[in-house]
Amino acid sequence: PDFGGEACPPQGETQQCNVDSCDEDCKLSEWSPWKPCTKACGGGSQRRVKHVEAPARGAGRCANHLNSARYERQACNAGPCPPDPICTAKLDIVLVVDSSGSWTQ
């Protein structure tokens, strides 16, 4: 300090800001279409899922792939199966028609 004065206080000040992480939960897709039924008759199941479109960031969360937020299962084709055919001659022909819609090419 000149002329016996006192020192000036600091002219600048710093402090931390935005120190928290940018937490964001994952982003999930819409439900997929139902998968085909596992059985044509006698009770099967089908499933649908939600896929992760964007992963979680920081401390964000994302449901496990079998969690109900991302995985659904339902019963299907609960009707009884037809009885097994009984062949009585070498030329018998048996045609089976699956009208359940569970068979795809």
Protein backbone atom coordinates (compact mmCIF):
# COMPACT_ATOMS: atom_id res chain seq x y z
CA PRO A 1 0.00 0.00 0.00
CA ASP A 2 1.20 3.44 -0.91
CA PHE A 3 1.07 6.41 1.45
CA GLY A 4 0.30 4.29 4.54
CA GLY A 5 -3.05 2.97 3.28
CA GLU A 6 -4.44 -0.47 3.74
CA ALA A 7 -4.25 -3.30 1.21
CA CYS A 8 -7.20 -3.61 -1.12
CA PRO A 9 -9.42 -6.69 -0.77
CA PRO A 10 -9.19 -9.31 -3.52
CA GLN A 11 -10.77 -8.18 -6.76
CA GLY A 12 -12.08 -11.57 -7.87
CA GLU A 13 -13.93 -14.43 -6.34
CA THR A 14 -14.31 -18.03 -7.50
CA GLN A 15 -16.59 -20.81 -6.46
CA GLN A 16 -17.52 -24.22 -7.85
CA CYS A 17 -20.76 -24.60 -9.73
CA ASN A 18 -22.55 -27.39 -11.59
CA VAL A 19 -20.66 -30.01 -9.60
CA ASP A 20 -23.53 -32.50 -9.59
CA SER A 21 -23.55 -35.15 -12.27
CA CYS A 22 -26.07 -34.92 -15.07
CA ASP A 23 -28.16 -37.93 -14.02
CA GLU A 24 -30.64 -39.19 -16.56
CA ASP A 25 -32.62 -42.43 -16.67
CA CYS A 26 -32.41 -44.53 -19.82
CA LYS A 27 -34.90 -43.97 -22.62
CA LEU A 28 -37.02 -46.98 -23.58
CA SER A 29 -38.69 -47.75 -26.90
CA GLU A 30 -42.39 -48.38 -27.32
CA TRP A 31 -43.58 -51.97 -26.81
CA SER A 32 -42.51 -54.37 -29.56
CA PRO A 33 -45.21 -56.42 -31.31
CA TRP A 34 -46.21 -59.62 -29.51
CA LYS A 35 -43.97 -62.58 -30.47
CA PRO A 36 -45.71 -65.68 -31.86
CA CYS A 37 -47.27 -68.07 -29.36
CA THR A 38 -44.94 -70.85 -28.17
CA LYS A 39 -47.62 -73.51 -28.77
CA ALA A 40 -50.37 -73.99 -31.35
CA CYS A 41 -52.74 -75.45 -28.73
CA GLY A 42 -52.83 -76.60 -25.14
CA GLY A 43 -51.67 -73.29 -23.70
CA GLY A 44 -48.57 -71.39 -24.65
CA SER A 45 -47.17 -67.95 -24.01
CA GLN A 46 -46.05 -64.95 -25.97
CA ARG A 47 -43.94 -61.97 -25.01
CA ARG A 48 -43.13 -58.41 -25.94
CA VAL A 49 -40.33 -56.10 -24.82
CA LYS A 50 -39.13 -52.52 -24.69
CA HIS A 51 -35.57 -51.92 -25.90
CA VAL A 52 -33.12 -49.33 -24.54
CA GLU A 53 -32.89 -46.46 -27.03
CA ALA A 54 -30.51 -44.33 -24.91
CA PRO A 55 -28.50 -45.63 -21.93
CA ALA A 56 -28.70 -44.14 -18.43
CA ARG A 57 -26.25 -41.31 -17.65
CA GLY A 58 -24.52 -40.58 -14.36
CA ALA A 59 -26.55 -42.07 -11.52
CA GLY A 60 -29.61 -42.52 -13.76
CA ARG A 61 -31.47 -45.83 -13.69
CA CYS A 62 -32.62 -48.38 -16.22
CA ALA A 63 -34.91 -51.32 -15.52
CA ASN A 64 -33.51 -54.84 -15.89
CA HIS A 65 -34.53 -56.57 -19.16
CA LEU A 66 -36.92 -58.89 -17.24
CA ASN A 67 -38.51 -56.07 -15.21
CA SER A 68 -42.24 -55.51 -15.88
CA ALA A 69 -41.41 -52.02 -17.18
CA ARG A 70 -39.56 -53.68 -20.10
CA TYR A 71 -40.94 -57.24 -20.39
CA GLU A 72 -44.48 -58.60 -20.66
CA ARG A 73 -45.71 -62.17 -21.07
CA GLN A 74 -49.25 -63.39 -21.65
CA ALA A 75 -51.00 -66.72 -22.15
CA CYS A 76 -52.17 -67.70 -25.64
CA ASN A 77 -53.75 -70.60 -27.56
CA ALA A 78 -55.31 -72.04 -24.41
CA GLY A 79 -57.72 -74.31 -26.32
CA PRO A 80 -57.20 -78.07 -26.12
CA CYS A 81 -55.20 -79.88 -28.76
CA PRO A 82 -57.05 -82.30 -31.06
CA PRO A 83 -56.55 -86.00 -30.27
CA ASP A 84 -53.75 -87.85 -32.04
CA PRO A 85 -55.00 -89.50 -35.25
CA ILE A 86 -55.27 -93.29 -35.37
CA CYS A 87 -54.15 -94.74 -38.69
CA THR A 88 -55.85 -97.99 -39.75
CA ALA A 89 -54.43 -98.45 -43.24
CA LYS A 90 -51.16 -97.75 -44.97
CA LEU A 91 -52.86 -95.22 -47.27
CA ASP A 92 -54.51 -93.07 -44.61
CA ILE A 93 -53.71 -89.39 -45.05
CA VAL A 94 -54.04 -86.96 -42.19
CA LEU A 95 -54.26 -83.24 -42.86
CA VAL A 96 -53.88 -80.89 -39.93
CA VAL A 97 -54.92 -77.27 -40.29
CA ASP A 98 -53.53 -74.72 -37.84
CA SER A 99 -55.92 -71.78 -37.81
CA SER A 100 -54.49 -70.20 -34.68
CA GLY A 101 -52.27 -67.80 -36.62
CA SER A 102 -49.22 -68.77 -34.54
CA TRP A 103 -47.33 -70.29 -37.45
CA THR A 104 -45.28 -67.96 -39.65
CA GLN A 105 -42.85 -68.52 -42.47
